[in-house]
């Protein structure tokens, strides 16, 4: 059920197609403008948030530097403590072939 019947003549169909295309292009442009505006607002809000939290970030960085233990002069040990040392041997399946019972 149409509110208005579709255009019958070729000129009316052409005009309807041109108006429809113009409407789609206009809607796309409005969407692009809205996206750019929202992107700008988001960038301004992110910059404001970064600016407002710079003192907190500086305090966290200074606290982390004060809490971090200093590394030894020789540099052998990691800052977290003593490393775990171990010896190991790589055993492959073909090396273990003689250990398996024949069955």
Protein backbone atom coordinates (compact mmCIF):
# COMPACT_ATOMS: atom_id res chain seq x y z
CA UNK A 1 0.00 0.00 0.00
CA UNK A 2 1.61 3.24 -1.15
CA UNK A 3 0.96 6.70 0.20
CA UNK A 4 1.77 7.94 -3.29
CA UNK A 5 1.89 5.60 -6.24
CA UNK A 6 5.33 5.08 -7.85
CA UNK A 7 6.16 7.45 -10.73
CA UNK A 8 4.79 6.23 -14.07
CA UNK A 9 6.65 8.25 -16.70
CA UNK A 10 10.39 8.01 -17.47
CA UNK A 11 11.01 11.68 -16.58
CA UNK A 12 9.24 11.25 -13.23
CA UNK A 13 11.27 8.10 -12.48
CA UNK A 14 14.51 9.93 -13.35
CA UNK A 15 13.61 12.84 -11.07
CA UNK A 16 12.69 10.42 -8.28
CA UNK A 17 16.02 8.60 -8.69
CA UNK A 18 17.99 11.86 -8.61
CA UNK A 19 16.11 13.07 -5.53
CA UNK A 20 16.61 9.70 -3.83
CA UNK A 21 20.34 9.76 -4.56
CA UNK A 22 20.59 13.34 -3.29
CA UNK A 23 18.77 12.33 -0.13
CA UNK A 24 21.18 9.41 0.44
CA UNK A 25 24.23 11.62 -0.15
CA UNK A 26 22.82 14.25 2.21
CA UNK A 27 22.18 11.65 4.90
CA UNK A 28 25.74 10.32 4.47
CA UNK A 29 27.18 13.82 4.80
CA UNK A 30 25.17 14.51 7.96
CA UNK A 31 26.52 11.25 9.38
CA UNK A 32 30.10 12.20 8.52
CA UNK A 33 29.69 15.62 10.12
CA UNK A 34 28.19 14.07 13.25
CA UNK A 35 31.07 11.57 13.42
CA UNK A 36 33.68 14.32 13.10
CA UNK A 37 31.97 16.38 15.79
CA UNK A 38 31.83 13.39 18.16
CA UNK A 39 35.46 12.57 17.39
CA UNK A 40 36.46 16.15 18.24
CA UNK A 41 34.46 16.11 21.48
CA UNK A 42 36.09 12.80 22.40
CA UNK A 43 39.58 14.16 21.70
CA UNK A 44 38.90 17.25 23.81
CA UNK A 45 37.59 15.10 26.68
CA UNK A 46 40.62 12.76 26.45
CA UNK A 47 43.00 15.75 26.53
CA UNK A 48 41.15 17.22 29.51
CA UNK A 49 41.29 13.88 31.37
CA UNK A 50 45.00 13.48 30.61
CA UNK A 51 45.67 17.04 31.82
CA UNK A 52 43.66 16.57 35.01
CA UNK A 53 45.36 13.27 35.96
CA UNK A 54 48.97 14.26 35.32
CA UNK A 55 49.62 14.96 39.03
CA UNK A 56 48.26 11.53 39.99
CA UNK A 57 50.41 9.83 37.34
CA UNK A 58 53.48 11.71 38.57
CA UNK A 59 52.77 10.65 42.18
CA UNK A 60 52.37 7.00 41.11
CA UNK A 61 55.63 7.13 39.15
CA UNK A 62 57.54 8.64 42.09
CA UNK A 63 56.07 6.09 44.51
CA UNK A 64 57.06 3.24 42.20
CA UNK A 65 60.59 4.58 41.91
CA UNK A 66 60.90 4.84 45.70
CA UNK A 67 59.46 1.36 46.30
CA UNK A 68 61.62 -0.40 43.68
CA UNK A 69 64.69 -2.08 45.17
CA UNK A 70 67.97 -1.06 43.64
CA UNK A 71 69.76 -3.60 41.45
CA UNK A 72 73.18 -4.84 42.63
CA UNK A 73 76.24 -3.34 41.00
CA UNK A 74 77.35 -6.56 39.29
CA UNK A 75 73.98 -6.94 37.55
CA UNK A 76 73.87 -10.73 37.96
CA UNK A 77 70.72 -10.86 40.02
CA UNK A 78 67.32 -9.60 38.94
CA UNK A 79 65.70 -6.96 41.13
CA UNK A 80 63.16 -9.51 42.41
CA UNK A 81 65.68 -11.64 44.33
CA UNK A 82 67.88 -14.67 43.79
CA UNK A 83 67.57 -16.54 40.50
CA UNK A 84 66.79 -20.26 40.51
CA UNK A 85 69.57 -22.25 38.92
CA UNK A 86 69.21 -25.82 37.69
CA UNK A 87 70.78 -28.35 35.37
CA UNK A 88 68.71 -30.34 32.92
CA UNK A 89 69.08 -32.81 30.08
CA UNK A 90 66.86 -32.87 27.01
CA UNK A 91 65.48 -36.36 26.40
CA UNK A 92 63.87 -37.05 23.06
CA UNK A 93 61.60 -39.97 22.18
CA UNK A 94 64.18 -41.57 19.90
CA UNK A 95 66.70 -41.48 22.77
CA UNK A 96 64.27 -43.29 25.07
CA UNK A 97 63.47 -46.06 22.59
CA UNK A 98 65.59 -48.68 24.39
CA UNK A 99 63.88 -47.99 27.75
CA UNK A 100 60.48 -49.12 26.54
CA UNK A 101 59.50 -52.71 27.07
CA UNK A 102 58.96 -54.63 23.88
CA UNK A 103 55.45 -55.70 23.64
